Amino acid sequence: MTEHPSPPGRNDVYLFFALACGITWALDLPLAFAWATQAAPPPYAMPMVGLGAWGPTLAAFAIAARRRSLRAVFGRWRTNPMYVVLGLFVPLAMQLPPTLIEIALGGHPAHWFYPPLRPEQFAALLVFPFAEEFGWRGFAYPRLEERHGPVVGSLILGCVWGLWHLGMLFVPEPFRALPPATVLVYMVELSLWSVVIAWMFERGNRSIAVAIAIHAGEHLDNVNRAPETEFRLRILRFVVLAIVAALAARSLAAKRRHATRAVAIFRTSSIP
């Protein structure tokens, strides 16, 4: 059956944010309550946190189904396979230079890479990209980009993406023991990563496969598991991420200007 999408609602993206965070945070409540009362979490608490990771995709499905636009959100896979492969290795490529600089400065990083080693880490690698990206990049980003442009839109998305992760503060590790300043830096990093992902997403014809690949790549080399004592290396990683995000933002803005100029020229030439 052919899908005939209805016009998107002006507030659909904000409804999506509320639903995505609401679903996830509601499922995080048993673990949060155990943390607040300093009690042992019930056996079902961690499985509920895992289910909560699907909040963005469930929210996207609910709104897209109502708008009859499921294909636009869940069906855009076609792209050059090169972008999927590149996406998978983008996090590694960005995190290797800071490690090399740290070694050149006389440092001794605990590890070069942080691949998944435990069952829950492999589960995160396989589940989280699918649980999140249909919502963040499949649903929210195109709507934010249309209204605010790719740079501002991706930064707004990154801020909400960071707030959505607040439920992880109640997970025993690795986030609960982190000081507030580190949590704040982590949320800023997610905003910068949102710009980088948007750049790759646009280059890959907005294929959800590209977004999923980058997200999976972050779990293949998850530097959030690095020791807190590697302060200089963490600063180097942040600086490299900020530089790459700035370059990605510049490219996105230039593409937007060229597209706007082309539309203006076309409209002018169409006037009799």
Protein backbone atom coordinates (compact mmCIF):
# COMPACT_ATOMS: atom_id res chain seq x y z
CA MET A 1 0.00 0.00 0.00
CA THR A 2 1.32 3.43 -0.93
CA GLU A 3 2.00 5.71 2.01
CA HIS A 4 0.58 9.22 1.68
CA PRO A 5 2.27 11.34 4.37
CA SER A 6 0.26 14.06 6.03
CA PRO A 7 1.89 17.48 6.56
CA PRO A 8 4.25 17.44 9.55
CA GLY A 9 3.00 19.24 12.62
CA ARG A 10 4.93 22.33 13.65
CA ASN A 11 5.55 20.92 17.12
CA ASP A 12 6.19 17.30 16.12
CA VAL A 13 9.89 17.46 16.93
CA TYR A 14 9.22 18.86 20.41
CA LEU A 15 6.59 16.19 21.00
CA PHE A 16 9.21 13.65 19.91
CA PHE A 17 11.74 15.01 22.41
CA ALA A 18 9.19 14.82 25.23
CA LEU A 19 8.15 11.28 24.32
CA ALA A 20 11.71 10.02 23.83
CA CYS A 21 12.91 11.39 27.16
CA GLY A 22 9.66 10.46 28.94
CA ILE A 23 9.76 6.82 27.82
CA THR A 24 13.44 6.42 28.70
CA TRP A 25 13.31 8.21 32.03
CA ALA A 26 10.16 6.32 33.08
CA LEU A 27 11.91 3.02 32.48
CA ASP A 28 14.95 4.32 34.38
CA LEU A 29 12.85 5.07 37.48
CA PRO A 30 13.35 1.76 39.37
CA LEU A 31 17.12 2.14 39.16
CA ALA A 32 16.94 5.85 40.00
CA PHE A 33 14.78 5.12 43.05
CA ALA A 34 17.23 2.46 44.25
CA TRP A 35 20.08 4.94 43.84
CA ALA A 36 18.19 7.70 45.69
CA THR A 37 17.37 5.40 48.61
CA GLN A 38 20.80 3.73 48.58
CA ALA A 39 19.08 0.37 48.23
CA ALA A 40 19.98 -2.60 46.06
CA PRO A 41 18.20 -2.26 42.70
CA PRO A 42 15.52 -4.88 41.96
CA PRO A 43 16.41 -7.59 39.42
CA TYR A 44 14.23 -5.99 36.74
CA ALA A 45 15.85 -2.53 37.05
CA MET A 46 18.74 -3.02 34.61
CA PRO A 47 16.60 -4.78 31.95
CA MET A 48 14.23 -1.81 32.14
CA VAL A 49 17.16 0.56 31.57
CA GLY A 50 18.04 -1.50 28.49
CA LEU A 51 14.48 -1.20 27.22
CA GLY A 52 14.63 2.53 27.92
CA ALA A 53 17.30 2.88 25.25
CA TRP A 54 14.51 2.33 22.71
CA GLY A 55 12.76 5.55 23.78
CA PRO A 56 13.84 7.60 20.72
CA THR A 57 12.85 4.92 18.21
CA LEU A 58 9.51 4.25 19.91
CA ALA A 59 8.74 7.97 20.02
CA ALA A 60 9.66 8.35 16.35
CA PHE A 61 7.48 5.38 15.41
CA ALA A 62 4.47 6.74 17.32
CA ILE A 63 4.57 10.18 15.68
CA ALA A 64 5.63 8.99 12.21
CA ALA A 65 2.82 6.40 12.18
CA ARG A 66 0.33 9.10 13.06
CA ARG A 67 1.68 11.28 10.24
CA ARG A 68 1.90 8.31 7.83
CA SER A 69 5.60 9.01 7.27
CA LEU A 70 7.14 5.77 8.51
CA ARG A 71 9.01 5.22 5.26
CA ALA A 72 10.75 8.60 5.51
CA VAL A 73 11.94 7.81 9.03
CA PHE A 74 12.65 4.07 8.87
CA GLY A 75 13.09 3.34 5.16
CA ARG A 76 15.98 5.55 4.06
CA TRP A 77 18.92 3.14 3.82
CA ARG A 78 20.36 3.61 0.32
CA THR A 79 23.83 5.15 0.20
CA ASN A 80 27.33 4.50 -1.07
CA PRO A 81 28.67 1.65 1.13
CA MET A 82 31.88 3.64 1.51
CA TYR A 83 30.09 6.06 3.84
CA VAL A 84 28.91 3.21 6.06
CA VAL A 85 32.48 1.88 6.36
CA LEU A 86 33.86 5.37 6.96
CA GLY A 87 31.19 6.01 9.56
CA LEU A 88 32.17 2.89 11.45
CA PHE A 89 35.79 4.09 11.70
CA VAL A 90 35.21 7.85 12.18
CA PRO A 91 35.33 7.65 16.01
CA LEU A 92 38.53 5.59 15.91
CA ALA A 93 40.11 7.99 13.40
CA MET A 94 39.27 10.96 15.64
CA GLN A 95 40.46 9.36 18.87
CA LEU A 96 43.79 8.03 17.59
CA PRO A 97 45.54 11.43 17.00
CA PRO A 98 45.07 12.61 20.62
CA THR A 99 46.61 9.35 21.83
CA LEU A 100 49.60 9.82 19.52
CA ILE A 101 50.03 13.41 20.73
CA GLU A 102 49.84 12.27 24.35
CA ILE A 103 52.59 9.72 23.75
CA ALA A 104 54.71 12.34 21.96
CA LEU A 105 54.36 14.57 25.02
CA GLY A 106 55.69 11.78 27.22
CA GLY A 107 52.39 10.39 28.43
CA HIS A 108 51.53 6.74 28.93
CA PRO A 109 47.88 6.06 28.04
CA ALA A 110 46.33 3.09 29.82
CA HIS A 111 45.10 1.73 26.49
CA TRP A 112 45.23 2.69 22.84
CA PHE A 113 41.66 1.56 22.22
CA TYR A 114 38.60 0.76 24.32
CA PRO A 115 36.71 -2.02 22.49
CA PRO A 116 33.77 -3.84 24.09
CA LEU A 117 34.93 -6.66 26.34
CA ARG A 118 31.95 -7.52 28.55
CA PRO A 119 28.54 -8.89 27.53
CA GLU A 120 26.69 -5.66 28.35
CA GLN A 121 29.18 -3.69 26.26
CA PHE A 122 28.61 -5.93 23.25
CA ALA A 123 24.86 -5.60 23.84
CA ALA A 124 25.22 -1.81 23.78
CA LEU A 125 27.19 -2.02 20.53
CA LEU A 126 24.48 -4.08 18.85
CA VAL A 127 21.36 -2.48 20.34
CA PHE A 128 21.92 1.20 21.10
CA PRO A 129 22.60 2.42 17.52
CA PHE A 130 19.29 0.94 16.33
CA ALA A 131 17.44 1.94 19.50
CA GLU A 132 18.46 5.60 19.15
CA GLU A 133 19.29 6.63 15.59
CA PHE A 134 15.87 6.16 13.98
CA GLY A 135 14.73 8.80 16.45
CA TRP A 136 17.67 11.21 16.57
CA ARG A 137 18.77 11.26 12.93
CA GLY A 138 15.84 9.55 11.20
CA PHE A 139 13.10 11.69 12.74
CA ALA A 140 14.40 14.73 14.64
CA TYR A 141 17.37 15.96 12.59
CA PRO A 142 15.57 16.48 9.23
CA ARG A 143 12.87 18.54 10.97
CA LEU A 144 15.36 20.61 12.95
CA GLU A 145 17.52 21.11 9.86
CA GLU A 146 14.57 22.39 7.86
CA ARG A 147 13.66 24.91 10.54
CA HIS A 148 17.05 25.96 11.92
CA GLY A 149 19.65 24.82 9.38
CA PRO A 150 22.06 21.88 9.72
CA VAL A 151 24.45 23.43 12.25
CA VAL A 152 21.99 24.93 14.72
CA GLY A 153 19.65 21.99 14.20
CA SER A 154 22.33 19.43 14.99
CA LEU A 155 23.44 21.42 18.06
CA ILE A 156 19.87 21.53 19.39
CA LEU A 157 19.62 17.81 18.78
CA GLY A 158 22.94 17.25 20.55
CA CYS A 159 21.75 19.15 23.63
CA VAL A 160 18.62 17.01 23.89
CA TRP A 161 20.70 13.90 23.18
CA GLY A 162 22.86 14.81 26.17
CA LEU A 163 19.87 15.46 28.45
CA TRP A 164 18.35 12.15 27.38
CA HIS A 165 21.49 10.39 28.68
CA LEU A 166 20.94 11.74 32.21
CA GLY A 167 19.22 8.47 33.08
CA MET A 168 22.61 6.80 32.78
CA LEU A 169 23.74 8.67 35.88
CA PHE A 170 21.98 6.01 37.92
CA VAL A 171 23.71 3.09 36.21
CA PRO A 172 26.41 1.63 38.50
CA GLU A 173 29.11 2.20 35.89
CA PRO A 174 30.66 3.98 34.17
CA PHE A 175 28.70 7.17 34.83
CA ARG A 176 27.59 7.15 38.48
CA ALA A 177 31.07 7.81 39.88
CA LEU A 178 31.80 10.70 37.53
CA PRO A 179 32.06 14.23 38.98
CA PRO A 180 29.51 16.81 37.73
CA ALA A 181 32.13 18.65 35.63
CA THR A 182 32.94 15.46 33.71
CA VAL A 183 29.24 14.82 33.10
CA LEU A 184 28.88 18.37 31.74
CA VAL A 185 31.86 17.88 29.41
CA TYR A 186 30.35 14.60 28.25
CA MET A 187 27.11 16.37 27.33
CA VAL A 188 29.01 19.08 25.43
CA GLU A 189 30.89 16.33 23.57
CA LEU A 190 27.58 14.81 22.50
CA SER A 191 26.58 18.15 20.98
CA LEU A 192 29.86 18.28 19.05
CA TRP A 193 29.42 14.67 17.95
CA SER A 194 25.93 15.59 16.75
CA VAL A 195 27.47 18.08 14.29
CA VAL A 196 30.00 15.51 13.06
CA ILE A 197 27.29 12.89 12.58
CA ALA A 198 25.12 15.43 10.74
CA TRP A 199 27.96 16.11 8.31
CA MET A 200 28.45 12.41 7.57
CA PHE A 201 24.68 11.89 7.47
CA GLU A 202 24.32 14.58 4.80
CA ARG A 203 27.29 13.25 2.82
CA GLY A 204 25.72 9.79 2.89
CA ASN A 205 22.39 10.95 1.39
CA ARG A 206 20.76 10.98 4.84
CA SER A 207 20.96 7.20 5.01
CA ILE A 208 20.12 5.88 8.45
CA ALA A 209 22.79 3.24 7.86
CA VAL A 210 25.47 5.95 8.08
CA ALA A 211 24.16 7.27 11.40
CA ILE A 212 23.91 3.74 12.81
CA ALA A 213 27.48 3.00 11.66
CA ILE A 214 28.93 6.06 13.40
CA HIS A 215 27.01 5.32 16.58
CA ALA A 216 28.27 1.73 16.49
CA GLY A 217 31.79 3.02 15.91
CA GLU A 218 31.59 5.00 19.14
CA HIS A 219 30.89 1.75 20.99
CA LEU A 220 33.70 -0.05 19.17
CA ASP A 221 36.16 2.43 20.70
CA ASN A 222 34.37 3.90 23.71
CA VAL A 223 36.85 6.29 25.34
CA ASN A 224 34.34 7.01 28.12
CA ARG A 225 35.83 3.88 29.69
CA ALA A 226 39.26 5.57 29.90
CA PRO A 227 40.63 6.39 33.37
CA GLU A 228 39.64 9.76 34.82
CA THR A 229 43.30 10.32 35.74
CA GLU A 230 44.27 10.79 32.06
CA PHE A 231 43.38 14.46 32.29
CA ARG A 232 45.66 15.79 29.52
CA LEU A 233 44.56 13.06 27.11
CA ARG A 234 40.92 13.89 27.78
CA ILE A 235 41.62 17.54 26.97
CA LEU A 236 43.37 16.51 23.74
CA ARG A 237 40.41 14.34 22.74
CA PHE A 238 38.03 17.23 23.41
CA VAL A 239 40.15 19.67 21.38
CA VAL A 240 40.36 17.31 18.40
CA LEU A 241 36.60 16.69 18.55
CA ALA A 242 35.93 20.44 18.70
CA ILE A 243 38.18 21.09 15.67
CA VAL A 244 36.52 18.34 13.62
CA ALA A 245 33.06 19.58 14.64
CA ALA A 246 34.01 23.14 13.61
CA LEU A 247 35.18 21.93 10.20
CA ALA A 248 32.00 19.85 9.82
CA ALA A 249 29.88 22.88 10.77
CA ARG A 250 31.67 25.02 8.20
CA SER A 251 31.03 22.43 5.49
CA LEU A 252 27.36 22.07 6.47
CA ALA A 253 26.85 25.84 6.48
CA ALA A 254 28.52 26.21 3.07
CA LYS A 255 26.32 23.48 1.60
CA ARG A 256 23.25 25.19 3.02
CA ARG A 257 24.27 28.56 1.49
CA HIS A 258 24.87 26.99 -1.91
CA ALA A 259 21.50 25.24 -1.81
CA THR A 260 19.72 28.45 -0.80
CA ARG A 261 21.48 30.39 -3.57
CA ALA A 262 20.57 27.74 -6.15
CA VAL A 263 16.91 27.89 -5.15
CA ALA A 264 16.93 31.68 -5.38
CA ILE A 265 18.51 31.60 -8.84
CA PHE A 266 15.98 29.03 -10.02
CA ARG A 267 13.06 31.09 -8.77
CA THR A 268 14.43 34.24 -10.35
CA SER A 269 14.95 32.53 -13.70
CA SER A 270 11.40 31.13 -13.57
CA ILE A 271 9.82 34.58 -13.37
CA PRO A 272 8.47 35.52 -16.85
